[in-house]
Protein backbone atom coordinates (compact mmCIF):
# COMPACT_ATOMS: atom_id res chain seq x y z
CA MET A 1 -79.46 -10.46 -109.19
CA ALA A 2 -76.51 -8.08 -109.46
CA PRO A 3 -74.30 -7.82 -106.40
CA SER A 4 -74.45 -4.63 -104.37
CA LYS A 5 -71.63 -2.14 -104.66
CA ILE A 6 -70.29 -3.12 -101.23
CA GLU A 7 -70.25 -6.81 -102.24
CA MET A 8 -68.46 -5.91 -105.49
CA TYR A 9 -65.88 -3.84 -103.58
CA ALA A 10 -65.25 -6.80 -101.25
CA ALA A 11 -64.84 -9.18 -104.22
CA ILE A 12 -62.40 -6.79 -105.93
CA ARG A 13 -60.33 -6.46 -102.77
CA ARG A 14 -60.36 -10.26 -102.28
CA ASP A 15 -59.29 -10.97 -105.89
CA SER A 16 -56.53 -8.37 -105.68
CA ARG A 17 -55.22 -9.84 -102.44
CA MET A 18 -55.67 -13.58 -103.20
CA LEU A 19 -55.07 -13.72 -106.96
CA GLY A 20 -52.79 -10.71 -107.29
CA LEU A 21 -54.75 -9.31 -110.27
CA SER A 22 -53.82 -5.91 -111.62
CA VAL A 23 -56.19 -2.93 -111.72
CA ARG A 24 -56.72 -3.44 -115.48
CA ALA A 25 -57.44 -7.18 -115.04
CA LEU A 26 -59.90 -6.50 -112.21
CA ALA A 27 -61.65 -3.84 -114.30
CA ARG A 28 -61.98 -6.28 -117.20
CA LYS A 29 -63.19 -9.12 -114.94
CA TYR A 30 -65.94 -7.05 -113.32
CA GLY A 31 -66.77 -4.89 -116.35
CA ILE A 32 -66.18 -1.60 -114.55
CA HIS A 33 -63.90 1.40 -114.98
CA ARG A 34 -60.37 1.29 -113.57
CA ARG A 35 -61.19 4.34 -111.43
CA THR A 36 -63.87 2.25 -109.66
CA VAL A 37 -61.33 -0.54 -109.07
CA ARG A 38 -58.92 1.98 -107.51
CA GLU A 39 -61.73 3.31 -105.27
CA ALA A 40 -62.51 -0.27 -104.16
CA LEU A 41 -58.85 -0.93 -103.35
CA SER A 42 -58.50 2.29 -101.38
CA SER A 43 -61.70 1.96 -99.31
CA ALA A 44 -63.93 -0.93 -98.26
CA PHE A 45 -67.05 1.22 -98.60
CA PRO A 46 -68.12 3.24 -101.64
CA ALA A 47 -68.11 7.00 -101.33
CA PRO A 48 -71.56 8.46 -100.76
CA ARG A 49 -73.24 9.90 -103.82
CA LYS A 50 -73.02 13.61 -104.32
CA LYS A 51 -76.21 15.51 -103.69
CA LEU A 52 -77.45 17.28 -106.77
CA PRO A 53 -78.30 20.93 -106.38
CA PRO A 54 -82.03 21.53 -106.23
CA ARG A 55 -83.55 21.92 -109.67
CA ARG A 56 -85.12 25.17 -110.61
CA SER A 57 -88.84 25.03 -111.14
CA ARG A 58 -90.87 27.02 -113.63
CA LEU A 59 -93.00 28.00 -110.66
CA ASP A 60 -90.08 29.68 -108.83
CA ALA A 61 -90.80 33.05 -110.44
CA PHE A 62 -94.40 32.94 -109.20
CA LYS A 63 -93.84 31.60 -105.69
CA PRO A 64 -93.55 35.10 -104.12
CA ALA A 65 -96.93 36.06 -105.66
CA ILE A 66 -98.55 32.86 -104.34
CA ASP A 67 -97.04 33.41 -100.89
CA GLU A 68 -98.37 36.97 -100.87
CA MET A 69 -101.88 35.73 -101.69
CA LEU A 70 -101.63 33.16 -98.88
CA ARG A 71 -100.45 35.83 -96.41
CA ALA A 72 -103.35 38.10 -97.43
CA ASP A 73 -105.72 35.22 -96.73
CA LEU A 74 -104.59 35.06 -93.11
CA ASP A 75 -106.66 38.17 -92.28
CA ALA A 76 -109.53 37.50 -94.70
CA PRO A 77 -112.83 35.96 -93.61
CA ARG A 78 -113.16 32.30 -94.46
CA LYS A 79 -115.47 32.81 -97.44
CA GLN A 80 -113.17 35.45 -98.97
CA ARG A 81 -109.96 33.40 -98.97
CA HIS A 82 -108.31 32.39 -102.23
CA THR A 83 -109.02 28.94 -103.57
CA VAL A 84 -106.26 27.29 -105.58
CA LYS A 85 -108.36 27.79 -108.70
CA ARG A 86 -108.64 31.52 -107.99
CA MET A 87 -104.87 31.76 -107.38
CA PHE A 88 -104.20 29.92 -110.63
CA ASP A 89 -106.51 32.28 -112.54
CA ARG A 90 -104.87 35.36 -110.97
CA LEU A 91 -101.42 34.07 -111.90
CA LEU A 92 -102.58 33.63 -115.50
CA ASP A 93 -104.27 37.05 -115.67
CA GLU A 94 -102.12 39.33 -113.52
CA HIS A 95 -98.69 37.70 -113.75
CA GLU A 96 -98.88 36.29 -117.29
CA MET A 97 -97.94 32.80 -116.17
CA GLU A 98 -97.55 30.28 -119.00
CA GLY A 99 -96.62 26.62 -119.23
CA ILE A 100 -97.42 25.75 -115.60
CA SER A 101 -100.21 23.33 -114.84
CA TYR A 102 -102.94 23.75 -112.27
CA SER A 103 -101.71 20.65 -110.41
CA THR A 104 -98.24 22.19 -109.99
CA VAL A 105 -99.75 25.26 -108.36
CA CYS A 106 -102.07 23.06 -106.29
CA ASP A 107 -99.16 20.93 -105.00
CA TYR A 108 -97.18 24.03 -103.99
CA VAL A 109 -100.16 25.65 -102.22
CA GLN A 110 -101.00 22.40 -100.42
CA TRP A 111 -97.67 22.25 -98.55
CA ARG A 112 -97.00 26.01 -98.42
CA ARG A 113 -100.31 27.14 -96.85
CA PRO A 114 -99.68 25.36 -93.50
CA GLU A 115 -96.10 26.69 -93.45
CA ILE A 116 -97.28 30.28 -93.85
CA ARG A 117 -99.91 29.81 -91.14
CA HIS A 118 -97.22 28.41 -88.85
CA GLU A 119 -94.83 31.29 -89.63
CA ALA A 120 -97.61 33.73 -88.70
CA GLY A 121 -98.17 31.90 -85.41
CA LEU A 122 -101.55 30.56 -86.49
CA GLY A 123 -100.64 26.89 -86.69
CA PRO A 124 -103.05 24.27 -85.45
CA ALA A 125 -103.55 24.29 -81.72
CA GLN A 126 -101.88 21.41 -79.95
CA VAL A 127 -104.65 20.35 -77.60
CA PHE A 128 -105.74 17.14 -75.97
CA ILE A 129 -109.18 16.80 -74.48
CA PRO A 130 -109.49 13.67 -72.37
CA GLN A 131 -112.86 12.01 -72.45
CA THR A 132 -114.13 11.24 -69.00
CA HIS A 133 -117.33 9.37 -68.26
CA ARG A 134 -118.72 9.04 -64.76
CA PRO A 135 -120.13 5.65 -63.76
CA GLY A 136 -123.81 5.22 -64.56
CA VAL A 137 -124.22 8.65 -66.16
CA GLU A 138 -123.76 8.10 -69.90
CA ALA A 139 -124.71 5.30 -72.25
CA GLU A 140 -125.11 4.72 -75.97
CA VAL A 141 -128.15 3.05 -77.51
CA ASP A 142 -128.53 1.78 -81.06
CA PHE A 143 -130.92 -0.34 -83.08
CA GLY A 144 -130.14 -2.49 -86.08
CA ASP A 145 -131.51 -5.37 -88.13
CA VAL A 146 -130.25 -8.90 -87.65
CA TRP A 147 -131.29 -12.21 -89.20
CA VAL A 148 -131.63 -15.16 -86.81
CA LYS A 149 -132.83 -18.73 -87.25
CA LEU A 150 -136.04 -19.09 -85.27
CA ARG A 151 -137.63 -22.57 -85.27
CA GLY A 152 -135.51 -23.37 -88.34
CA GLN A 153 -136.74 -20.34 -90.31
CA PRO A 154 -134.63 -17.21 -91.03
CA THR A 155 -136.37 -14.35 -89.24
CA LYS A 156 -135.55 -10.66 -89.40
CA CYS A 157 -135.31 -9.18 -85.89
CA THR A 158 -134.44 -5.81 -84.47
CA LEU A 159 -131.23 -5.79 -82.42
CA PHE A 160 -131.27 -3.47 -79.40
CA THR A 161 -127.74 -2.52 -78.27
CA PHE A 162 -127.06 -0.70 -75.00
CA ARG A 163 -123.44 0.21 -74.09
CA MET A 164 -122.29 1.95 -70.90
CA SER A 165 -119.71 4.66 -71.61
CA PHE A 166 -117.75 4.26 -68.36
CA SER A 167 -117.28 0.49 -68.26
CA GLY A 168 -117.79 -0.37 -71.92
CA LYS A 169 -120.11 -3.22 -70.94
CA ALA A 170 -122.91 -3.85 -73.39
CA VAL A 171 -126.26 -5.58 -73.60
CA HIS A 172 -127.63 -6.86 -76.91
CA ARG A 173 -131.25 -8.02 -77.24
CA PRO A 174 -132.83 -9.25 -80.45
CA VAL A 175 -136.58 -8.56 -80.65
CA ASP A 176 -138.94 -10.25 -83.11
CA ARG A 177 -140.76 -7.38 -84.79
CA THR A 178 -143.81 -9.37 -85.78
CA ILE A 179 -144.78 -10.41 -82.25
CA GLY A 180 -142.65 -8.07 -80.08
CA VAL A 181 -140.97 -10.87 -78.12
CA SER A 182 -137.44 -10.68 -76.82
CA TYR A 183 -135.46 -13.92 -77.09
CA VAL A 184 -132.88 -13.08 -74.47
CA SER A 185 -133.69 -12.95 -70.80
CA ALA A 186 -133.34 -9.64 -68.96
CA TRP A 187 -129.94 -8.48 -67.74
């Protein structure tokens, strides 16, 4: 595994100090440019990489049109709002868009739609509704099938499950469907 840049900088500094190697000899030993050797000798840590300017997208020319459609949808009834497919078709027909895929438009709309709703003050409501259950008032009941060994034979039974919402305590009772007998004593 190749050493990290920090480890390489430390090795260069160590070899320069201990062995007295020149910049050219260090560059040859580590297979790097002399400029990198000089950077290592001047600083123990590599300089951070420069951030590249954001790349232009082919969609940039059509983003204002998409944003306008999304803003128009804020006031429209739910069934009349633009789907991504409809936006894509309008961009092809009305704005003569070429060379941009449906997925590119879909990706942009997916993250831009919530932003526009938030800018308009229509973002999702931040609510918390605590669930409260009073003792003895609410319970959940469910039935299911379960296989049990009864007298050495696998038997299909109905499992009755009763769970109290307040305490979370539950009762489970398997019942043999053929004879209607419960195999667990009452509570």
